[in-house]
Amino acid sequence: MTEAASPPRTAGTPPASPTAEEFARVQQSTEFAELRSSYRSFAFPLTVAFIAWYLLYVLLSIYAGDFMGTKLFGNVNVALALGLGQFATTFLIAWWYSRHANAKLDPKAAAIKARMEAGE
């Protein structure tokens, strides 16, 4: 089955869905490459850093029990402080990503979407 050509757009009618060819053309554009690069340059290093931080916590828990059991104050030891640090880090990264997406990714994505909806 072949796809028929989209009818011409008139004012007041919703735009037709983009075709596979239109998506492929946008994917090859410089604008999309910049969006992808901006996302990857933020997400990949943070993901690697967080996984390394998590694995350090796990390895310390397995191999450095005496260190992790060191009391900091009251009943709070190093293991509890680092474990709570995992939660804090998760929320910090989510907040930071949200700010990054709002400032850098969303405007670029909106421009690409608007261009596709306009049929360019």
C-alpha atoms as a PDB file:
ATOM      1  CA  MET A   1       0.000   0.000   0.000  1.00  0.00           C
ATOM      2  CA  THR A   2       1.390   3.380  -0.933  1.00  0.00           C
ATOM      3  CA  GLU A   3       0.733   6.658   0.803  1.00  0.00           C
ATOM      4  CA  ALA A   4      -1.254   9.271  -1.025  1.00  0.00           C
ATOM      5  CA  ALA A   5       0.028  12.813  -1.166  1.00  0.00           C
ATOM      6  CA  SER A   6      -1.285  15.074   1.586  1.00  0.00           C
ATOM      7  CA  PRO A   7      -3.966  17.518   0.490  1.00  0.00           C
ATOM      8  CA  PRO A   8      -2.955  21.184   0.457  1.00  0.00           C
ATOM      9  CA  ARG A   9      -3.356  22.930   3.800  1.00  0.00           C
ATOM     10  CA  THR A  10      -5.825  25.748   4.181  1.00  0.00           C
ATOM     11  CA  ALA A  11      -6.323  28.204   7.015  1.00  0.00           C
ATOM     12  CA  GLY A  12      -8.314  26.746   9.893  1.00  0.00           C
ATOM     13  CA  THR A  13      -7.653  23.091   9.096  1.00  0.00           C
ATOM     14  CA  PRO A  14      -5.305  21.101  11.299  1.00  0.00           C
ATOM     15  CA  PRO A  15      -2.012  20.096   9.709  1.00  0.00           C
ATOM     16  CA  ALA A  16      -1.663  16.595   8.299  1.00  0.00           C
ATOM     17  CA  SER A  17       0.575  14.161  10.111  1.00  0.00           C
ATOM     18  CA  PRO A  18       4.190  14.326   8.959  1.00  0.00           C
ATOM     19  CA  THR A  19       5.312  11.524   6.685  1.00  0.00           C
ATOM     20  CA  ALA A  20       8.217   9.202   7.343  1.00  0.00           C
ATOM     21  CA  GLU A  21      10.236  11.119   4.752  1.00  0.00           C
ATOM     22  CA  GLU A  22       9.605  14.409   6.571  1.00  0.00           C
ATOM     23  CA  PHE A  23      10.752  12.862   9.853  1.00  0.00           C
ATOM     24  CA  ALA A  24      13.874  11.486   8.166  1.00  0.00           C
ATOM     25  CA  ARG A  25      14.645  14.891   6.629  1.00  0.00           C
ATOM     26  CA  VAL A  26      14.301  16.619  10.013  1.00  0.00           C
ATOM     27  CA  GLN A  27      16.464  13.958  11.641  1.00  0.00           C
ATOM     28  CA  GLN A  28      19.234  14.774   9.153  1.00  0.00           C
ATOM     29  CA  SER A  29      18.992  18.530   9.760  1.00  0.00           C
ATOM     30  CA  THR A  30      21.627  20.597  11.552  1.00  0.00           C
ATOM     31  CA  GLU A  31      18.983  21.897  13.942  1.00  0.00           C
ATOM     32  CA  PHE A  32      18.091  18.362  15.071  1.00  0.00           C
ATOM     33  CA  ALA A  33      21.774  17.445  15.379  1.00  0.00           C
ATOM     34  CA  GLU A  34      22.270  20.441  17.692  1.00  0.00           C
ATOM     35  CA  LEU A  35      19.288  19.361  19.809  1.00  0.00           C
ATOM     36  CA  ARG A  36      20.610  15.818  20.060  1.00  0.00           C
ATOM     37  CA  SER A  37      24.117  17.063  20.878  1.00  0.00           C
ATOM     38  CA  SER A  38      22.822  19.393  23.572  1.00  0.00           C
ATOM     39  CA  TYR A  39      20.881  16.533  25.156  1.00  0.00           C
ATOM     40  CA  ARG A  40      23.749  14.053  24.979  1.00  0.00           C
ATOM     41  CA  SER A  41      26.387  16.460  26.281  1.00  0.00           C
ATOM     42  CA  PHE A  42      24.265  16.955  29.391  1.00  0.00           C
ATOM     43  CA  ALA A  43      22.686  13.545  29.984  1.00  0.00           C
ATOM     44  CA  PHE A  44      25.537  11.150  29.250  1.00  0.00           C
ATOM     45  CA  PRO A  45      28.197  12.619  31.574  1.00  0.00           C
ATOM     46  CA  LEU A  46      25.685  12.962  34.409  1.00  0.00           C
ATOM     47  CA  THR A  47      24.481   9.408  33.901  1.00  0.00           C
ATOM     48  CA  VAL A  48      28.026   8.050  34.003  1.00  0.00           C
ATOM     49  CA  ALA A  49      28.859  10.141  37.084  1.00  0.00           C
ATOM     50  CA  PHE A  50      25.745   9.013  38.925  1.00  0.00           C
ATOM     51  CA  ILE A  51      26.302   5.338  38.109  1.00  0.00           C
ATOM     52  CA  ALA A  52      29.922   5.644  39.289  1.00  0.00           C
ATOM     53  CA  TRP A  53      28.735   7.325  42.522  1.00  0.00           C
ATOM     54  CA  TYR A  54      26.146   4.577  43.053  1.00  0.00           C
ATOM     55  CA  LEU A  55      28.667   1.794  42.382  1.00  0.00           C
ATOM     56  CA  LEU A  56      31.123   3.432  44.791  1.00  0.00           C
ATOM     57  CA  TYR A  57      28.423   3.317  47.474  1.00  0.00           C
ATOM     58  CA  VAL A  58      27.702  -0.359  46.763  1.00  0.00           C
ATOM     59  CA  LEU A  59      31.389  -1.294  46.714  1.00  0.00           C
ATOM     60  CA  LEU A  60      32.049   0.563  49.959  1.00  0.00           C
ATOM     61  CA  SER A  61      29.084  -1.240  51.510  1.00  0.00           C
ATOM     62  CA  ILE A  62      30.488  -4.599  50.430  1.00  0.00           C
ATOM     63  CA  TYR A  63      34.225  -4.145  51.011  1.00  0.00           C
ATOM     64  CA  ALA A  64      34.579  -1.321  53.541  1.00  0.00           C
ATOM     65  CA  GLY A  65      32.107  -2.287  56.247  1.00  0.00           C
ATOM     66  CA  ASP A  66      34.223  -0.807  59.021  1.00  0.00           C
ATOM     67  CA  PHE A  67      34.455   2.541  57.229  1.00  0.00           C
ATOM     68  CA  MET A  68      30.730   2.579  56.426  1.00  0.00           C
ATOM     69  CA  GLY A  69      29.966   1.776  60.070  1.00  0.00           C
ATOM     70  CA  THR A  70      31.946   4.767  61.333  1.00  0.00           C
ATOM     71  CA  LYS A  71      29.652   6.939  63.426  1.00  0.00           C
ATOM     72  CA  LEU A  72      29.451  10.569  62.421  1.00  0.00           C
ATOM     73  CA  PHE A  73      27.135  11.742  65.207  1.00  0.00           C
ATOM     74  CA  GLY A  74      24.467  10.044  67.301  1.00  0.00           C
ATOM     75  CA  ASN A  75      23.214   6.976  65.457  1.00  0.00           C
ATOM     76  CA  VAL A  76      24.169   8.374  62.038  1.00  0.00           C
ATOM     77  CA  ASN A  77      27.023   6.540  60.362  1.00  0.00           C
ATOM     78  CA  VAL A  78      28.834   6.998  57.048  1.00  0.00           C
ATOM     79  CA  ALA A  79      26.611   4.434  55.300  1.00  0.00           C
ATOM     80  CA  LEU A  80      23.424   6.287  56.232  1.00  0.00           C
ATOM     81  CA  ALA A  81      24.895   9.661  55.246  1.00  0.00           C
ATOM     82  CA  LEU A  82      26.040   8.327  51.855  1.00  0.00           C
ATOM     83  CA  GLY A  83      22.710   6.527  51.332  1.00  0.00           C
ATOM     84  CA  LEU A  84      20.791   9.745  51.959  1.00  0.00           C
ATOM     85  CA  GLY A  85      23.279  11.435  49.644  1.00  0.00           C
ATOM     86  CA  GLN A  86      22.101   9.053  46.897  1.00  0.00           C
ATOM     87  CA  PHE A  87      18.552  10.363  47.266  1.00  0.00           C
ATOM     88  CA  ALA A  88      19.703  13.960  47.382  1.00  0.00           C
ATOM     89  CA  THR A  89      21.825  13.445  44.270  1.00  0.00           C
ATOM     90  CA  THR A  90      18.883  11.901  42.405  1.00  0.00           C
ATOM     91  CA  PHE A  91      16.642  14.878  43.114  1.00  0.00           C
ATOM     92  CA  LEU A  92      19.428  17.358  42.363  1.00  0.00           C
ATOM     93  CA  ILE A  93      20.082  15.774  38.960  1.00  0.00           C
ATOM     94  CA  ALA A  94      16.343  15.728  38.145  1.00  0.00           C
ATOM     95  CA  TRP A  95      16.040  19.416  39.071  1.00  0.00           C
ATOM     96  CA  TRP A  96      19.175  20.304  37.115  1.00  0.00           C
ATOM     97  CA  TYR A  97      17.976  18.373  34.043  1.00  0.00           C
ATOM     98  CA  SER A  98      14.596  20.116  34.223  1.00  0.00           C
ATOM     99  CA  ARG A  99      16.294  23.507  34.181  1.00  0.00           C
ATOM    100  CA  HIS A 100      18.572  22.438  31.323  1.00  0.00           C
ATOM    101  CA  ALA A 101      15.641  21.076  29.300  1.00  0.00           C
ATOM    102  CA  ASN A 102      13.564  24.214  29.833  1.00  0.00           C
ATOM    103  CA  ALA A 103      16.425  26.517  28.876  1.00  0.00           C
ATOM    104  CA  LYS A 104      18.187  24.604  26.092  1.00  0.00           C
ATOM    105  CA  LEU A 105      16.233  21.612  24.809  1.00  0.00           C
ATOM    106  CA  ASP A 106      12.602  22.724  24.796  1.00  0.00           C
ATOM    107  CA  PRO A 107      13.121  25.868  22.671  1.00  0.00           C
ATOM    108  CA  LYS A 108      15.036  23.870  20.044  1.00  0.00           C
ATOM    109  CA  ALA A 109      12.435  21.090  20.052  1.00  0.00           C
ATOM    110  CA  ALA A 110       9.597  23.617  19.793  1.00  0.00           C
ATOM    111  CA  ALA A 111      11.270  25.257  16.790  1.00  0.00           C
ATOM    112  CA  ILE A 112      11.643  21.896  15.052  1.00  0.00           C
ATOM    113  CA  LYS A 113       8.021  21.003  15.840  1.00  0.00           C
ATOM    114  CA  ALA A 114       6.753  24.347  14.556  1.00  0.00           C
ATOM    115  CA  ARG A 115       8.743  23.927  11.351  1.00  0.00           C
ATOM    116  CA  MET A 116       7.325  20.432  10.812  1.00  0.00           C
ATOM    117  CA  GLU A 117       3.769  21.572  11.522  1.00  0.00           C
ATOM    118  CA  ALA A 118       4.191  24.422   9.052  1.00  0.00           C
ATOM    119  CA  GLY A 119       5.162  21.852   6.426  1.00  0.00           C
ATOM    120  CA  GLU A 120       8.662  23.185   5.869  1.00  0.00           C
END
